[in-house]
């Protein structure tokens, strides 16, 4: 099914993925303090309905979605006010009705099982995916692996003085470059793995890659120790359902390193070989 590069052991694939992400970029800490220009541009949201889909693969029926209001001060900090929804079908679709918010900038988190891209079966672990969006001119927001990978990077760039729009654009461009894509100039919240646009196809391919690395044929789940920025891997003989915390840690800590100042640099021909095998070769 895959080219010869897939004979590389799954543990090495995981290390290479972490290494490649470490090359992505360095930025500041996750807590945010938006710019004065951002605060001036904050507008209230009144009686808005919001719809969308949650996809790693599609999240199954009953998965939870939490929308967090952020402060009118424009600092992107949650106010504590939250709205809740659940996915209505195995396609991952959801609706949140009657939003009344003091800012158009919202944080969302979706948690649930998903249909795996690599096998078509439901995942054995629940995962959580995040999104950050300006909903002033939108009534639909999709939550996916792109919104998740951009999430902390966008917040960190805002903390460093960028506007929301500039930060989102740069985070997207860096993410696309990581996986050998040109900037696809499409907001991540608009993408759907079932659509045929170039950006949608990129989302599906990267989602599939992340699923393969997270679970893999050998269930080699990742252990990432932030304290010393070293990745440790253990091959488990049992089903990975007992190790769901490690699966979520894999997704979250890959994201975390995108927003960290302390990172390692790697120069590996093997690394480029693996990534190119997924994203440059047929």
Protein backbone atom coordinates (compact mmCIF):
# COMPACT_ATOMS: atom_id res chain seq x y z
CA UNK A 1 0.00 0.00 0.00
CA UNK A 2 2.84 2.34 0.87
CA UNK A 3 6.21 2.90 -0.76
CA UNK A 4 9.40 1.29 0.42
CA UNK A 5 9.90 4.04 3.01
CA UNK A 6 7.13 2.51 5.12
CA UNK A 7 9.43 -0.34 6.09
CA UNK A 8 10.96 2.04 8.62
CA UNK A 9 9.79 0.89 12.12
CA UNK A 10 6.83 2.77 13.58
CA UNK A 11 8.88 3.94 16.57
CA UNK A 12 11.37 5.63 14.26
CA UNK A 13 8.50 7.20 12.31
CA UNK A 14 7.22 8.74 15.51
CA UNK A 15 10.62 10.10 16.51
CA UNK A 16 11.02 11.55 13.04
CA UNK A 17 7.63 13.22 13.19
CA UNK A 18 8.44 14.83 16.54
CA UNK A 19 11.82 15.89 15.18
CA UNK A 20 10.26 17.42 12.11
CA UNK A 21 7.75 19.35 14.17
CA UNK A 22 10.59 20.66 16.33
CA UNK A 23 12.03 22.21 13.19
CA UNK A 24 8.71 23.96 12.56
CA UNK A 25 9.30 27.07 14.63
CA UNK A 26 9.89 28.52 18.08
CA UNK A 27 7.62 31.00 19.74
CA UNK A 28 6.53 32.14 23.16
CA UNK A 29 4.46 30.60 25.93
CA UNK A 30 0.84 29.56 25.67
CA UNK A 31 -0.71 32.27 27.87
CA UNK A 32 -1.91 35.15 25.72
CA UNK A 33 -2.16 38.90 26.04
CA UNK A 34 -3.66 40.35 22.88
CA UNK A 35 -2.64 43.68 21.37
CA UNK A 36 -4.42 46.98 21.87
CA UNK A 37 -5.36 46.97 18.19
CA UNK A 38 -7.06 43.60 18.73
CA UNK A 39 -9.03 44.97 21.69
CA UNK A 40 -10.26 47.89 19.59
CA UNK A 41 -11.57 45.45 16.99
CA UNK A 42 -13.60 43.29 19.39
CA UNK A 43 -17.33 43.12 18.70
CA UNK A 44 -20.14 41.43 20.59
CA UNK A 45 -22.06 38.48 19.12
CA UNK A 46 -25.84 38.38 19.52
CA UNK A 47 -28.19 35.44 18.96
CA UNK A 48 -25.92 33.60 16.51
CA UNK A 49 -26.32 29.95 15.49
CA UNK A 50 -23.13 28.08 14.67
CA UNK A 51 -22.83 24.75 12.85
CA UNK A 52 -19.94 22.57 11.76
CA UNK A 53 -18.31 19.16 11.69
CA UNK A 54 -15.63 17.60 13.89
CA UNK A 55 -13.15 15.45 11.98
CA UNK A 56 -9.97 13.60 12.70
CA UNK A 57 -11.73 11.05 10.92
CA UNK A 58 -15.36 11.99 11.53
CA UNK A 59 -16.23 12.06 15.24
CA UNK A 60 -18.99 9.62 16.18
CA UNK A 61 -22.47 10.44 17.46
CA UNK A 62 -22.54 11.94 20.95
CA UNK A 63 -19.05 13.45 20.92
CA UNK A 64 -18.89 16.62 23.01
CA UNK A 65 -18.18 20.16 21.84
CA UNK A 66 -17.43 23.04 24.23
CA UNK A 67 -17.36 26.64 22.98
CA UNK A 68 -15.62 29.09 25.32
CA UNK A 69 -16.34 32.80 25.23
CA UNK A 70 -13.25 35.05 25.31
CA UNK A 71 -12.89 38.43 26.94
CA UNK A 72 -14.05 41.70 25.36
CA UNK A 73 -10.62 43.03 26.36
CA UNK A 74 -9.26 41.27 23.28
CA UNK A 75 -6.76 39.16 25.24
CA UNK A 76 -8.26 35.84 24.03
CA UNK A 77 -8.65 34.61 27.61
CA UNK A 78 -11.79 32.60 28.42
CA UNK A 79 -14.37 34.42 30.53
CA UNK A 80 -15.69 31.19 32.06
CA UNK A 81 -18.90 31.29 30.04
CA UNK A 82 -19.33 28.16 27.93
CA UNK A 83 -21.77 26.65 25.45
CA UNK A 84 -22.17 22.91 24.93
CA UNK A 85 -23.24 20.62 22.08
CA UNK A 86 -22.87 17.03 20.92
CA UNK A 87 -22.35 15.58 17.47
CA UNK A 88 -25.65 14.55 15.89
CA UNK A 89 -24.41 11.69 13.71
CA UNK A 90 -21.34 9.63 12.84
CA UNK A 91 -20.48 12.36 10.33
CA UNK A 92 -19.38 14.60 13.21
CA UNK A 93 -21.95 17.35 12.58
CA UNK A 94 -23.06 19.69 15.37
CA UNK A 95 -25.07 22.87 15.99
CA UNK A 96 -24.75 25.44 18.79
CA UNK A 97 -27.78 27.72 18.98
CA UNK A 98 -28.31 31.18 20.44
CA UNK A 99 -24.77 32.39 21.02
CA UNK A 100 -24.53 35.68 22.92
CA UNK A 101 -20.89 36.58 23.44
CA UNK A 102 -18.86 39.62 24.44
CA UNK A 103 -16.24 38.87 21.76
CA UNK A 104 -16.28 37.32 18.29
CA UNK A 105 -13.16 35.29 19.13
CA UNK A 106 -14.03 31.82 20.44
CA UNK A 107 -12.16 28.73 21.60
CA UNK A 108 -13.63 25.32 20.91
CA UNK A 109 -12.74 21.83 22.10
CA UNK A 110 -14.26 18.63 20.70
CA UNK A 111 -13.81 15.29 22.48
CA UNK A 112 -14.83 11.87 21.24
CA UNK A 113 -14.09 8.72 19.29
CA UNK A 114 -13.53 9.00 15.55
CA UNK A 115 -13.59 6.79 12.50
CA UNK A 116 -9.95 6.02 11.72
CA UNK A 117 -8.76 7.07 8.28
CA UNK A 118 -6.37 4.14 8.00
CA UNK A 119 -8.81 1.34 8.88
CA UNK A 120 -12.35 2.72 8.74
CA UNK A 121 -12.92 1.46 12.29
CA UNK A 122 -13.75 3.59 15.31
CA UNK A 123 -10.74 4.69 17.30
CA UNK A 124 -10.08 2.77 20.48
CA UNK A 125 -9.34 6.02 22.30
CA UNK A 126 -11.14 9.33 22.57
CA UNK A 127 -9.14 12.38 21.53
CA UNK A 128 -9.69 16.11 21.95
CA UNK A 129 -9.18 18.65 19.15
CA UNK A 130 -9.09 22.44 19.58
CA UNK A 131 -9.98 25.37 17.36
CA UNK A 132 -9.67 29.16 17.60
CA UNK A 133 -11.89 31.27 15.37
CA UNK A 134 -13.39 34.67 14.61
CA UNK A 135 -17.11 34.01 14.13
CA UNK A 136 -18.16 37.58 13.33
CA UNK A 137 -18.62 36.72 9.65
CA UNK A 138 -19.21 33.01 9.77
CA UNK A 139 -21.99 30.63 10.73
CA UNK A 140 -19.97 27.45 10.25
CA UNK A 141 -16.77 26.30 11.89
CA UNK A 142 -15.18 22.89 11.42
CA UNK A 143 -12.84 21.41 14.01
CA UNK A 144 -10.03 19.24 12.65
CA UNK A 145 -6.34 18.35 12.89
CA UNK A 146 -5.36 21.63 11.19
CA UNK A 147 -7.28 23.78 13.67
CA UNK A 148 -5.68 21.75 16.46
CA UNK A 149 -2.10 22.04 15.18
CA UNK A 150 -2.53 25.79 14.59
CA UNK A 151 -4.17 26.50 17.92
CA UNK A 152 -1.29 27.26 20.32
CA UNK A 153 0.93 28.63 17.57
CA UNK A 154 -1.74 31.21 16.71
CA UNK A 155 -2.16 32.20 20.36
CA UNK A 156 1.59 32.55 20.80
CA UNK A 157 1.93 34.79 17.73
CA UNK A 158 -0.90 36.97 19.03
CA UNK A 159 0.92 37.26 22.36
CA UNK A 160 3.96 38.45 20.42
CA UNK A 161 1.94 41.32 18.94
CA UNK A 162 0.32 39.98 15.78
CA UNK A 163 -3.31 40.54 14.96
CA UNK A 164 -5.58 37.50 14.91
CA UNK A 165 -5.70 37.47 11.10
CA UNK A 166 -1.92 37.75 10.74
CA UNK A 167 -1.29 35.07 13.35
CA UNK A 168 -3.72 32.63 11.77
CA UNK A 169 -2.18 33.16 8.35
CA UNK A 170 1.38 32.63 9.56
CA UNK A 171 0.47 29.56 11.61
CA UNK A 172 -1.25 28.05 8.57
CA UNK A 173 1.67 28.81 6.28
CA UNK A 174 4.16 27.25 8.68
CA UNK A 175 1.99 24.17 9.09
CA UNK A 176 1.70 23.72 5.33
CA UNK A 177 5.44 24.14 4.90
CA UNK A 178 6.06 21.47 7.55
CA UNK A 179 4.30 18.93 5.36
CA UNK A 180 5.74 20.11 2.03
CA UNK A 181 2.66 22.01 0.90
CA UNK A 182 2.51 25.51 -0.48
CA UNK A 183 0.20 27.83 1.43
CA UNK A 184 -3.29 26.71 0.47
CA UNK A 185 -4.83 30.06 1.50
CA UNK A 186 -7.92 28.54 3.08
CA UNK A 187 -9.00 28.90 6.69
CA UNK A 188 -8.73 25.58 8.51
CA UNK A 189 -12.25 26.01 9.91
CA UNK A 190 -13.61 25.80 6.34
CA UNK A 191 -12.04 22.45 5.49
CA UNK A 192 -13.76 19.09 5.24
CA UNK A 193 -12.02 15.77 4.58
CA UNK A 194 -14.98 14.71 2.43
CA UNK A 195 -14.58 17.59 -0.02
CA UNK A 196 -12.36 17.63 -3.09
CA UNK A 197 -10.57 20.97 -2.84
CA UNK A 198 -6.79 20.95 -2.66
CA UNK A 199 -6.80 22.17 0.94
CA UNK A 200 -9.41 19.53 1.88
CA UNK A 201 -7.26 16.82 0.32
CA UNK A 202 -4.23 18.08 2.26
CA UNK A 203 -6.24 17.93 5.49
CA UNK A 204 -7.25 14.34 4.82
CA UNK A 205 -3.71 13.25 3.99
CA UNK A 206 -2.16 14.87 7.06
CA UNK A 207 -4.97 13.52 9.26
CA UNK A 208 -4.26 10.03 7.93
CA UNK A 209 -0.55 10.46 8.60
CA UNK A 210 -1.17 11.56 12.19
CA UNK A 211 -3.49 8.60 12.77
CA UNK A 212 -0.90 6.16 11.45
CA UNK A 213 1.81 7.65 13.65
CA UNK A 214 -0.39 7.83 16.77
CA UNK A 215 -1.58 4.22 16.64
CA UNK A 216 0.42 2.44 13.95
CA UNK A 217 0.27 -1.26 13.15
CA UNK A 218 2.31 -2.12 16.25
CA UNK A 219 0.48 0.15 18.71
CA UNK A 220 3.69 1.93 19.61
CA UNK A 221 2.31 4.83 21.61
CA UNK A 222 4.31 7.94 22.26
CA UNK A 223 5.72 9.18 25.57
CA UNK A 224 6.87 12.79 25.39
CA UNK A 225 8.73 14.22 28.40
CA UNK A 226 8.54 18.01 28.18
CA UNK A 227 11.01 18.53 31.02
CA UNK A 228 14.00 17.38 28.99
CA UNK A 229 12.43 17.58 25.51
CA UNK A 230 13.17 13.96 24.74
CA UNK A 231 10.79 11.49 23.19
CA UNK A 232 10.49 8.00 24.64
CA UNK A 233 8.57 5.18 23.01
CA UNK A 234 7.31 1.87 24.34
CA UNK A 235 5.85 -0.95 22.28
CA UNK A 236 2.82 -2.39 24.09
CA UNK A 237 1.60 -5.94 23.59
CA UNK A 238 -1.93 -5.10 24.71
CA UNK A 239 -4.60 -3.14 22.88
CA UNK A 240 -4.00 0.65 23.05
CA UNK A 241 -7.36 1.31 24.72
CA UNK A 242 -5.48 1.05 28.05
CA UNK A 243 -3.10 3.78 26.96
CA UNK A 244 -5.47 6.50 25.77
CA UNK A 245 -3.77 9.13 27.88
CA UNK A 246 -0.58 8.54 25.91
CA UNK A 247 -2.46 8.93 22.62
CA UNK A 248 -3.84 12.32 23.70
CA UNK A 249 -0.43 13.32 25.04
CA UNK A 250 0.99 12.61 21.60
CA UNK A 251 -1.42 15.00 19.91
CA UNK A 252 -1.20 17.65 22.62
CA UNK A 253 2.57 17.64 23.05
CA UNK A 254 3.19 17.87 19.32
CA UNK A 255 1.04 21.00 19.45
CA UNK A 256 2.75 22.25 22.61
CA UNK A 257 6.19 22.22 21.05
CA UNK A 258 4.93 24.52 18.29
CA UNK A 259 4.48 27.19 20.95
CA UNK A 260 7.71 26.60 22.87
CA UNK A 261 10.96 28.54 22.86
CA UNK A 262 13.14 25.60 23.87
CA UNK A 263 13.49 23.18 21.00
CA UNK A 264 16.10 20.96 19.37
CA UNK A 265 17.30 21.14 15.79
CA UNK A 266 17.70 18.03 13.72
CA UNK A 267 19.42 17.42 10.40
CA UNK A 268 18.34 14.01 9.19
CA UNK A 269 18.19 12.68 5.65
CA UNK A 270 16.00 9.88 7.01
CA UNK A 271 13.55 12.45 8.32
CA UNK A 272 13.13 14.08 4.93
CA UNK A 273 12.91 10.65 3.33
CA UNK A 274 9.94 9.65 5.49
CA UNK A 275 8.04 12.91 5.11
CA UNK A 276 8.62 13.00 1.37
CA UNK A 277 7.44 9.41 1.16
CA UNK A 278 4.06 10.51 2.52
CA UNK A 279 3.68 13.92 0.96
CA UNK A 280 5.75 14.11 -2.21
CA UNK A 281 5.61 10.62 -3.71
CA UNK A 282 2.59 9.01 -5.31
